[in-house]
Amino acid sequence: KDKRSDNDKRGTFTNEQCHRILDLIHAGFSCNNSKRRTYGDDGESLVQQLIVLGMFTGARIAELQDLAKEDFLCDANGAPKGIYIHGAVKNSASERLIPLGDFPKWFKLDLSLFRTCRNEDYKYFTKDTLGKEVNKTIKKIIPEALEDNLTFHSFRHSFETRASKYENINTTH
């Protein structure tokens, strides 16, 4: 039984909320809460990229912000097809390969937003401030997020809920 208080429990995003987030990001919703440059070579926002990646992979924010270009598995044309999660994992059992697919047709992953290699400093934010920027953006897009206790981590629970409807899906990471 979950012993956390109601204030500590994370909600899950509804399908309608996820669609609303995607629609607003696609429409060019400005989610730049910071004066720092957070756009990649293709004009994509790091915060938007992380929100979409979190929604479609269920990865933790620390895992995604720790990624470097070398962690993306790409096909012969350079299109990302998977991410190798390691490094900022909760424990060694959390290391895994996450296949990428089924993103909206308009979404293009901009690898220029990620570090070139793992030992390089973070490009735009410190590790602590990036999660705050992402959560501020979620609250701007979905005003009820604060009341419903929705944060980036809620994408993880939403993803797990959707994935649990299929057979042979490991949701323990």
N, C-alpha and C. Protein backbone atom coordinates (compact mmCIF):
# COMPACT_ATOMS: atom_id res chain seq x y z
N LYS A 1 0.84 -1.19 0.00
CA LYS A 1 0.00 0.00 0.00
C LYS A 1 0.88 1.25 0.00
N ASP A 2 0.48 2.25 -0.77
CA ASP A 2 1.23 3.50 -0.88
C ASP A 2 1.05 4.32 0.39
N LYS A 3 2.14 4.56 1.12
CA LYS A 3 2.07 5.26 2.40
C LYS A 3 2.28 6.77 2.28
N ARG A 4 2.48 7.26 1.06
CA ARG A 4 2.70 8.70 0.89
C ARG A 4 1.40 9.46 1.13
N SER A 5 1.55 10.70 1.60
CA SER A 5 0.36 11.54 1.79
C SER A 5 -0.18 11.93 0.41
N ASP A 6 -1.42 12.37 0.37
CA ASP A 6 -2.03 12.77 -0.90
C ASP A 6 -1.22 13.87 -1.58
N ASN A 7 -0.59 14.76 -0.81
CA ASN A 7 0.21 15.84 -1.38
C ASN A 7 1.48 15.32 -2.05
N ASP A 8 1.97 14.16 -1.61
CA ASP A 8 3.20 13.60 -2.17
C ASP A 8 2.95 12.66 -3.34
N LYS A 9 1.72 12.29 -3.57
CA LYS A 9 1.41 11.35 -4.65
C LYS A 9 1.36 12.08 -5.98
N ARG A 10 2.00 11.51 -6.97
CA ARG A 10 2.00 12.08 -8.31
C ARG A 10 0.78 11.60 -9.06
N GLY A 11 0.19 12.49 -9.81
CA GLY A 11 -0.92 12.11 -10.66
C GLY A 11 -0.41 11.54 -11.97
N THR A 12 -1.31 11.18 -12.83
CA THR A 12 -0.95 10.76 -14.18
C THR A 12 -1.68 11.66 -15.15
N PHE A 13 -1.04 11.91 -16.28
CA PHE A 13 -1.67 12.72 -17.31
C PHE A 13 -2.74 11.90 -18.02
N THR A 14 -3.85 12.52 -18.31
CA THR A 14 -4.88 11.85 -19.11
C THR A 14 -4.45 11.91 -20.57
N ASN A 15 -5.06 11.07 -21.40
CA ASN A 15 -4.77 11.12 -22.83
C ASN A 15 -5.10 12.50 -23.39
N GLU A 16 -6.20 13.09 -22.91
CA GLU A 16 -6.60 14.42 -23.38
C GLU A 16 -5.54 15.46 -23.03
N GLN A 17 -4.98 15.39 -21.83
CA GLN A 17 -3.93 16.33 -21.43
C GLN A 17 -2.68 16.14 -22.27
N CYS A 18 -2.31 14.89 -22.54
CA CYS A 18 -1.15 14.62 -23.39
C CYS A 18 -1.36 15.19 -24.79
N HIS A 19 -2.55 14.99 -25.33
CA HIS A 19 -2.85 15.54 -26.66
C HIS A 19 -2.80 17.07 -26.64
N ARG A 20 -3.31 17.67 -25.58
CA ARG A 20 -3.28 19.13 -25.46
C ARG A 20 -1.84 19.64 -25.41
N ILE A 21 -0.99 18.97 -24.65
CA ILE A 21 0.42 19.34 -24.57
C ILE A 21 1.06 19.26 -25.95
N LEU A 22 0.84 18.14 -26.64
CA LEU A 22 1.43 17.96 -27.98
C LEU A 22 0.91 19.01 -28.95
N ASP A 23 -0.39 19.29 -28.91
CA ASP A 23 -0.97 20.29 -29.82
C ASP A 23 -0.35 21.66 -29.58
N LEU A 24 -0.19 22.04 -28.33
CA LEU A 24 0.38 23.36 -28.02
C LEU A 24 1.86 23.44 -28.39
N ILE A 25 2.61 22.37 -28.15
CA ILE A 25 4.01 22.36 -28.56
C ILE A 25 4.11 22.47 -30.07
N HIS A 26 3.29 21.70 -30.76
CA HIS A 26 3.30 21.72 -32.23
C HIS A 26 2.90 23.10 -32.77
N ALA A 27 1.99 23.76 -32.09
CA ALA A 27 1.52 25.09 -32.53
C ALA A 27 2.54 26.19 -32.21
N GLY A 28 3.63 25.83 -31.55
CA GLY A 28 4.68 26.81 -31.27
C GLY A 28 4.54 27.50 -29.94
N PHE A 29 3.84 26.88 -29.00
CA PHE A 29 3.71 27.44 -27.66
C PHE A 29 5.09 27.82 -27.14
N SER A 30 5.25 29.03 -26.69
CA SER A 30 6.53 29.49 -26.17
C SER A 30 6.72 28.94 -24.77
N CYS A 31 7.72 28.09 -24.63
CA CYS A 31 7.95 27.51 -23.31
C CYS A 31 9.33 27.88 -22.80
N ASN A 32 9.86 28.97 -23.32
CA ASN A 32 11.18 29.39 -22.86
C ASN A 32 11.02 30.27 -21.63
N ASN A 33 11.15 29.67 -20.45
CA ASN A 33 11.01 30.38 -19.19
C ASN A 33 12.29 31.10 -18.80
N SER A 34 13.35 30.83 -19.51
CA SER A 34 14.67 31.31 -19.14
C SER A 34 15.22 32.23 -20.22
N LYS A 35 16.17 33.05 -19.84
CA LYS A 35 16.82 33.91 -20.83
C LYS A 35 17.96 33.16 -21.54
N ARG A 36 18.25 31.96 -21.09
CA ARG A 36 19.33 31.17 -21.69
C ARG A 36 18.92 30.64 -23.05
N ARG A 37 19.91 30.46 -23.92
CA ARG A 37 19.65 29.89 -25.25
C ARG A 37 19.34 28.41 -25.06
N THR A 38 18.17 28.01 -25.48
CA THR A 38 17.77 26.62 -25.29
C THR A 38 17.25 26.01 -26.58
N TYR A 39 17.69 26.54 -27.71
CA TYR A 39 17.22 26.04 -28.99
C TYR A 39 18.38 25.40 -29.74
N GLY A 40 18.10 24.28 -30.41
CA GLY A 40 19.12 23.56 -31.14
C GLY A 40 19.28 24.07 -32.56
N ASP A 41 20.12 23.39 -33.31
CA ASP A 41 20.42 23.76 -34.69
C ASP A 41 19.17 23.76 -35.57
N ASP A 42 18.21 22.92 -35.25
CA ASP A 42 16.98 22.83 -36.04
C ASP A 42 15.88 23.75 -35.51
N GLY A 43 16.23 24.60 -34.53
CA GLY A 43 15.25 25.52 -33.97
C GLY A 43 14.34 24.89 -32.93
N GLU A 44 14.67 23.69 -32.51
CA GLU A 44 13.84 22.98 -31.53
C GLU A 44 14.22 23.39 -30.11
N SER A 45 13.25 23.43 -29.23
CA SER A 45 13.46 23.78 -27.83
C SER A 45 13.85 22.54 -27.03
N LEU A 46 14.88 22.67 -26.21
CA LEU A 46 15.30 21.55 -25.36
C LEU A 46 14.17 21.13 -24.43
N VAL A 47 13.50 22.10 -23.83
CA VAL A 47 12.41 21.79 -22.90
C VAL A 47 11.31 21.01 -23.62
N GLN A 48 10.92 21.47 -24.81
CA GLN A 48 9.89 20.77 -25.58
C GLN A 48 10.34 19.37 -25.95
N GLN A 49 11.60 19.24 -26.35
CA GLN A 49 12.13 17.92 -26.72
C GLN A 49 12.06 16.97 -25.53
N LEU A 50 12.43 17.44 -24.34
CA LEU A 50 12.40 16.58 -23.16
C LEU A 50 10.98 16.20 -22.78
N ILE A 51 10.04 17.14 -22.91
CA ILE A 51 8.64 16.83 -22.59
C ILE A 51 8.13 15.73 -23.52
N VAL A 52 8.37 15.85 -24.82
CA VAL A 52 7.89 14.84 -25.76
C VAL A 52 8.60 13.51 -25.52
N LEU A 53 9.92 13.54 -25.30
CA LEU A 53 10.65 12.29 -25.01
C LEU A 53 10.11 11.63 -23.74
N GLY A 54 9.87 12.41 -22.70
CA GLY A 54 9.33 11.85 -21.46
C GLY A 54 7.97 11.23 -21.66
N MET A 55 7.14 11.91 -22.43
CA MET A 55 5.78 11.42 -22.67
C MET A 55 5.79 10.10 -23.43
N PHE A 56 6.72 9.95 -24.39
CA PHE A 56 6.72 8.77 -25.25
C PHE A 56 7.66 7.66 -24.81
N THR A 57 8.50 7.92 -23.78
CA THR A 57 9.43 6.87 -23.33
C THR A 57 9.22 6.48 -21.87
N GLY A 58 8.65 7.36 -21.07
CA GLY A 58 8.52 7.08 -19.64
C GLY A 58 9.83 7.22 -18.89
N ALA A 59 10.84 7.78 -19.51
CA ALA A 59 12.14 7.95 -18.86
C ALA A 59 12.08 9.06 -17.81
N ARG A 60 12.94 8.95 -16.82
CA ARG A 60 13.04 9.98 -15.78
C ARG A 60 13.72 11.22 -16.36
N ILE A 61 13.43 12.40 -15.80
CA ILE A 61 14.05 13.63 -16.28
C ILE A 61 15.57 13.56 -16.13
N ALA A 62 16.07 13.02 -15.03
CA ALA A 62 17.52 12.93 -14.83
C ALA A 62 18.16 12.04 -15.88
N GLU A 63 17.47 10.99 -16.29
CA GLU A 63 18.00 10.09 -17.32
C GLU A 63 18.08 10.81 -18.66
N LEU A 64 17.05 11.57 -19.00
CA LEU A 64 17.03 12.27 -20.29
C LEU A 64 18.02 13.42 -20.33
N GLN A 65 18.10 14.19 -19.26
CA GLN A 65 19.01 15.33 -19.28
C GLN A 65 20.46 14.89 -19.23
N ASP A 66 20.73 13.66 -18.85
CA ASP A 66 22.09 13.14 -18.79
C ASP A 66 22.54 12.56 -20.14
N LEU A 67 21.65 12.53 -21.11
CA LEU A 67 21.99 11.92 -22.40
C LEU A 67 23.02 12.74 -23.17
N ALA A 68 23.83 12.02 -23.91
CA ALA A 68 24.76 12.62 -24.87
C ALA A 68 24.43 12.02 -26.23
N LYS A 69 24.93 12.64 -27.28
CA LYS A 69 24.64 12.14 -28.63
C LYS A 69 25.01 10.67 -28.77
N GLU A 70 26.07 10.25 -28.08
CA GLU A 70 26.52 8.85 -28.19
C GLU A 70 25.53 7.86 -27.58
N ASP A 71 24.56 8.35 -26.82
CA ASP A 71 23.56 7.47 -26.20
C ASP A 71 22.38 7.19 -27.12
N PHE A 72 22.32 7.86 -28.26
CA PHE A 72 21.24 7.66 -29.22
C PHE A 72 21.68 6.64 -30.27
N LEU A 73 20.88 5.62 -30.47
CA LEU A 73 21.15 4.64 -31.52
C LEU A 73 20.43 5.11 -32.77
N CYS A 74 21.18 5.30 -33.84
CA CYS A 74 20.60 5.86 -35.07
C CYS A 74 20.67 4.85 -36.20
N ASP A 75 19.74 4.98 -37.14
CA ASP A 75 19.75 4.12 -38.32
C ASP A 75 20.78 4.64 -39.32
N ALA A 76 20.88 4.01 -40.48
CA ALA A 76 21.87 4.38 -41.49
C ALA A 76 21.70 5.82 -41.98
N ASN A 77 20.50 6.36 -41.86
CA ASN A 77 20.23 7.74 -42.29
C ASN A 77 20.44 8.76 -41.17
N GLY A 78 20.84 8.29 -39.99
CA GLY A 78 21.08 9.19 -38.86
C GLY A 78 19.85 9.48 -38.02
N ALA A 79 18.74 8.82 -38.33
CA ALA A 79 17.50 9.03 -37.55
C ALA A 79 17.58 8.23 -36.25
N PRO A 80 17.35 8.87 -35.10
CA PRO A 80 17.39 8.16 -33.82
C PRO A 80 16.30 7.09 -33.74
N LYS A 81 16.71 5.89 -33.35
CA LYS A 81 15.77 4.76 -33.23
C LYS A 81 15.70 4.20 -31.81
N GLY A 82 16.62 4.64 -30.95
CA GLY A 82 16.62 4.16 -29.58
C GLY A 82 17.54 5.01 -28.71
N ILE A 83 17.33 4.91 -27.40
CA ILE A 83 18.21 5.61 -26.46
C ILE A 83 18.71 4.59 -25.44
N TYR A 84 20.00 4.65 -25.19
CA TYR A 84 20.60 3.80 -24.17
C TYR A 84 20.64 4.61 -22.88
N ILE A 85 19.87 4.19 -21.90
CA ILE A 85 19.80 4.88 -20.61
C ILE A 85 20.80 4.23 -19.67
N HIS A 86 21.73 5.02 -19.19
CA HIS A 86 22.73 4.58 -18.22
C HIS A 86 23.30 5.83 -17.56
N GLY A 87 24.11 5.69 -16.56
CA GLY A 87 24.69 6.88 -15.94
C GLY A 87 23.82 7.41 -14.82
N ALA A 88 22.83 8.23 -15.13
CA ALA A 88 21.98 8.86 -14.10
C ALA A 88 20.79 7.98 -13.75
N VAL A 89 21.00 6.69 -13.71
CA VAL A 89 19.90 5.78 -13.42
C VAL A 89 19.75 5.61 -11.91
N LYS A 90 18.56 5.21 -11.51
CA LYS A 90 18.25 5.03 -10.10
C LYS A 90 19.12 3.92 -9.49
N ASN A 91 19.32 2.84 -10.25
CA ASN A 91 20.21 1.75 -9.85
C ASN A 91 20.65 1.01 -11.11
N SER A 92 21.60 0.10 -10.98
CA SER A 92 22.15 -0.57 -12.17
C SER A 92 21.09 -1.37 -12.93
N ALA A 93 20.06 -1.82 -12.24
CA ALA A 93 18.98 -2.57 -12.92
C ALA A 93 18.16 -1.65 -13.83
N SER A 94 18.29 -0.34 -13.65
CA SER A 94 17.53 0.61 -14.47
C SER A 94 18.20 0.91 -15.81
N GLU A 95 19.42 0.41 -16.02
CA GLU A 95 20.06 0.60 -17.32
C GLU A 95 19.26 -0.17 -18.35
N ARG A 96 18.97 0.50 -19.48
CA ARG A 96 18.13 -0.16 -20.48
C ARG A 96 18.21 0.56 -21.82
N LEU A 97 17.71 -0.12 -22.82
CA LEU A 97 17.58 0.46 -24.15
C LEU A 97 16.11 0.75 -24.38
N ILE A 98 15.79 1.99 -24.72
CA ILE A 98 14.40 2.37 -24.98
C ILE A 98 14.25 2.60 -26.48
N PRO A 99 13.41 1.82 -27.14
CA PRO A 99 13.18 2.06 -28.57
C PRO A 99 12.40 3.35 -28.76
N LEU A 100 12.73 4.07 -29.82
CA LEU A 100 12.01 5.30 -30.16
C LEU A 100 11.15 5.04 -31.38
N GLY A 101 9.95 5.49 -31.33
CA GLY A 101 9.05 5.32 -32.45
C GLY A 101 7.69 5.88 -32.09
N ASP A 102 6.84 5.96 -33.06
CA ASP A 102 5.47 6.43 -32.84
C ASP A 102 5.37 7.84 -32.29
N PHE A 103 6.38 8.67 -32.56
CA PHE A 103 6.26 10.09 -32.24
C PHE A 103 5.29 10.71 -33.23
N PRO A 104 4.72 11.86 -32.89
CA PRO A 104 3.90 12.55 -33.89
C PRO A 104 4.73 12.83 -35.14
N LYS A 105 4.10 12.83 -36.28
CA LYS A 105 4.83 13.03 -37.54
C LYS A 105 5.61 14.34 -37.57
N TRP A 106 5.11 15.37 -36.91
CA TRP A 106 5.76 16.68 -36.91
C TRP A 106 6.98 16.74 -36.01
N PHE A 107 7.13 15.79 -35.08
CA PHE A 107 8.22 15.85 -34.10
C PHE A 107 9.52 15.36 -34.71
N LYS A 108 10.55 16.17 -34.57
CA LYS A 108 11.89 15.78 -35.04
C LYS A 108 12.84 15.95 -33.86
N LEU A 109 13.50 14.88 -33.49
CA LEU A 109 14.45 14.93 -32.39
C LEU A 109 15.70 15.67 -32.85
N ASP A 110 16.07 16.73 -32.16
CA ASP A 110 17.22 17.57 -32.51
C ASP A 110 18.39 17.17 -31.61
N LEU A 111 19.28 16.34 -32.13
CA LEU A 111 20.40 15.84 -31.33
C LEU A 111 21.41 16.93 -30.98
N SER A 112 21.36 18.08 -31.67
CA SER A 112 22.30 19.16 -31.35
C SER A 112 22.05 19.73 -29.95
N LEU A 113 20.88 19.45 -29.39
CA LEU A 113 20.56 19.94 -28.05
C LEU A 113 21.26 19.13 -26.96
N PHE A 114 21.76 17.97 -27.31
CA PHE A 114 22.37 17.09 -26.32
C PHE A 114 23.89 17.20 -26.38
N ARG A 115 24.52 16.89 -25.27
CA ARG A 115 25.98 16.96 -25.19
C ARG A 115 26.61 16.04 -26.23
N THR A 116 27.79 16.41 -26.69
CA THR A 116 28.49 15.59 -27.67
C THR A 116 28.95 14.27 -27.05
N CYS A 117 29.46 14.33 -25.84
CA CYS A 117 29.88 13.12 -25.14
C CYS A 117 29.53 13.26 -23.66
N ARG A 118 29.53 12.16 -22.96
CA ARG A 118 29.04 12.12 -21.58
C ARG A 118 29.88 12.95 -20.61
N ASN A 119 31.18 13.12 -20.87
CA ASN A 119 32.01 13.86 -19.92
C ASN A 119 32.00 15.37 -20.19
N GLU A 120 31.23 15.80 -21.16
CA GLU A 120 31.10 17.22 -21.47
C GLU A 120 30.13 17.87 -20.47
N ASP A 121 30.35 19.14 -20.16
CA ASP A 121 29.43 19.86 -19.27
C ASP A 121 28.06 19.96 -19.92
N TYR A 122 27.04 20.22 -19.11
CA TYR A 122 25.70 20.42 -19.63
C TYR A 122 25.70 21.68 -20.48
N LYS A 123 24.95 21.64 -21.57
CA LYS A 123 25.01 22.73 -22.54
C LYS A 123 24.26 23.99 -22.12
N TYR A 124 23.10 23.87 -21.53
CA TYR A 124 22.25 25.04 -21.32
C TYR A 124 21.89 25.29 -19.87
N PHE A 125 21.71 24.26 -19.11
CA PHE A 125 21.25 24.38 -17.73
C PHE A 125 22.12 23.50 -16.85
N THR A 126 22.12 23.78 -15.57
CA THR A 126 22.71 22.83 -14.64
C THR A 126 21.71 21.69 -14.48
N LYS A 127 22.16 20.61 -13.92
CA LYS A 127 21.29 19.46 -13.74
C LYS A 127 20.05 19.82 -12.91
N ASP A 128 20.22 20.66 -11.91
CA ASP A 128 19.10 21.02 -11.03
C ASP A 128 18.09 21.95 -11.70
N THR A 129 18.57 22.90 -12.49
CA THR A 129 17.64 23.89 -13.04
C THR A 129 16.83 23.38 -14.22
N LEU A 130 17.32 22.41 -14.95
CA LEU A 130 16.59 21.93 -16.12
C LEU A 130 15.25 21.31 -15.73
N GLY A 131 15.24 20.48 -14.71
CA GLY A 131 13.99 19.88 -14.25
C GLY A 131 12.98 20.93 -13.83
N LYS A 132 13.47 21.99 -13.18
CA LYS A 132 12.57 23.08 -12.77
C LYS A 132 11.99 23.79 -14.00
N GLU A 133 12.80 24.02 -15.02
CA GLU A 133 12.32 24.66 -16.25
C GLU A 133 11.25 23.81 -16.92
N VAL A 134 11.49 22.51 -16.99
CA VAL A 134 10.52 21.61 -17.62
C VAL A 134 9.20 21.62 -16.84
N ASN A 135 9.27 21.54 -15.53
CA ASN A 135 8.04 21.54 -14.72
C ASN A 135 7.30 22.87 -14.79
N LYS A 136 8.03 23.99 -14.88
CA LYS A 136 7.37 25.30 -15.07
C LYS A 136 6.60 25.32 -16.38
N THR A 137 7.20 24.75 -17.41
CA THR A 137 6.56 24.72 -18.72
C THR A 137 5.30 23.87 -18.69
N ILE A 138 5.36 22.72 -18.04
CA ILE A 138 4.18 21.85 -17.94
C ILE A 138 3.05 22.61 -17.25
N LYS A 139 3.37 23.35 -16.21
CA LYS A 139 2.34 24.10 -15.48
C LYS A 139 1.78 25.25 -16.32
N LYS A 140 2.59 25.80 -17.24
CA LYS A 140 2.08 26.84 -18.15
C LYS A 140 1.14 26.24 -19.19
N ILE A 141 1.49 25.06 -19.69
CA ILE A 141 0.68 24.42 -20.73
C ILE A 141 -0.61 23.85 -20.14
N ILE A 142 -0.48 23.18 -19.01
CA ILE A 142 -1.62 22.53 -18.35
C ILE A 142 -1.82 23.21 -16.99
N PRO A 143 -2.64 24.26 -16.93
CA PRO A 143 -2.81 25.00 -15.68
C PRO A 143 -3.26 24.13 -14.50
N GLU A 144 -4.02 23.08 -14.78
CA GLU A 144 -4.48 22.22 -13.68
C GLU A 144 -3.39 21.30 -13.15
N ALA A 145 -2.20 21.34 -13.75
CA ALA A 145 -1.10 20.46 -13.33
C ALA A 145 -0.75 20.67 -11.86
N LEU A 146 -0.75 21.91 -11.43
CA LEU A 146 -0.41 22.19 -10.03
C LEU A 146 -1.43 21.56 -9.09
N GLU A 147 -2.70 21.77 -9.38
CA GLU A 147 -3.77 21.23 -8.54
C GLU A 147 -3.79 19.70 -8.57
N ASP A 148 -3.53 19.11 -9.73
CA ASP A 148 -3.57 17.65 -9.88
C ASP A 148 -2.25 16.98 -9.53
N ASN A 149 -1.27 17.77 -9.04
CA ASN A 149 0.04 17.26 -8.66
C ASN A 149 0.75 16.58 -9.83
N LEU A 150 0.68 17.21 -11.00
CA LEU A 150 1.32 16.67 -12.20
C LEU A 150 2.67 17.33 -12.41
N THR A 151 3.69 16.52 -12.61
CA THR A 151 5.04 16.99 -12.90
C THR A 151 5.57 16.16 -14.05
N PHE A 152 6.81 16.42 -14.44
CA PHE A 152 7.42 15.62 -15.49
C PHE A 152 7.35 14.14 -15.14
N HIS A 153 7.58 13.82 -13.88
CA HIS A 153 7.58 12.41 -13.46
C HIS A 153 6.22 11.75 -13.69
N SER A 154 5.18 12.54 -13.78
CA SER A 154 3.84 12.00 -14.05
C SER A 154 3.77 11.35 -15.43
N PHE A 155 4.62 11.81 -16.37
CA PHE A 155 4.66 11.16 -17.69
C PHE A 155 5.08 9.70 -17.54
N ARG A 156 5.98 9.45 -16.59
CA ARG A 156 6.45 8.09 -16.33
C ARG A 156 5.29 7.19 -15.90
N HIS A 157 4.46 7.69 -15.00
CA HIS A 157 3.31 6.91 -14.53
C HIS A 157 2.27 6.77 -15.63
N SER A 158 2.07 7.82 -16.41
CA SER A 158 1.11 7.76 -17.52
C SER A 158 1.56 6.75 -18.57
N PHE A 159 2.86 6.77 -18.87
CA PHE A 159 3.43 5.83 -19.84
C PHE A 159 3.26 4.40 -19.35
N GLU A 160 3.56 4.18 -18.08
CA GLU A 160 3.43 2.84 -17.50
C GLU A 160 1.99 2.36 -17.55
N THR A 161 1.05 3.25 -17.27
CA THR A 161 -0.37 2.89 -17.33
C THR A 161 -0.76 2.47 -18.74
N ARG A 162 -0.32 3.24 -19.75
CA ARG A 162 -0.64 2.89 -21.14
C ARG A 162 0.06 1.59 -21.54
N ALA A 163 1.33 1.42 -21.14
CA ALA A 163 2.09 0.23 -21.53
C ALA A 163 1.56 -1.03 -20.86
N SER A 164 1.00 -0.91 -19.67
CA SER A 164 0.52 -2.09 -18.94
C SER A 164 -0.67 -2.76 -19.62
N LYS A 165 -1.25 -2.09 -20.60
CA LYS A 165 -2.37 -2.68 -21.33
C LYS A 165 -1.91 -3.72 -22.35
N TYR A 166 -0.59 -3.78 -22.58
CA TYR A 166 -0.03 -4.72 -23.54
C TYR A 166 0.64 -5.87 -22.81
N GLU A 167 0.73 -7.01 -23.47
CA GLU A 167 1.39 -8.16 -22.87
C GLU A 167 2.90 -8.04 -23.05
N ASN A 168 3.66 -8.69 -22.17
CA ASN A 168 5.11 -8.79 -22.26
C ASN A 168 5.81 -7.43 -22.22
N ILE A 169 5.29 -6.48 -21.49
CA ILE A 169 5.92 -5.17 -21.32
C ILE A 169 6.49 -5.10 -19.91
N ASN A 170 7.80 -4.83 -19.80
CA ASN A 170 8.45 -4.71 -18.50
C ASN A 170 8.30 -3.27 -18.03
N THR A 171 7.59 -3.05 -16.95
CA THR A 171 7.36 -1.69 -16.44
C THR A 171 8.08 -1.47 -15.10
N THR A 172 9.12 -2.25 -14.82
CA THR A 172 9.78 -2.16 -13.52
C THR A 172 10.87 -1.11 -13.45
N HIS A 173 11.29 -0.53 -14.56
CA HIS A 173 12.39 0.45 -14.52
C HIS A 173 11.84 1.80 -14.23
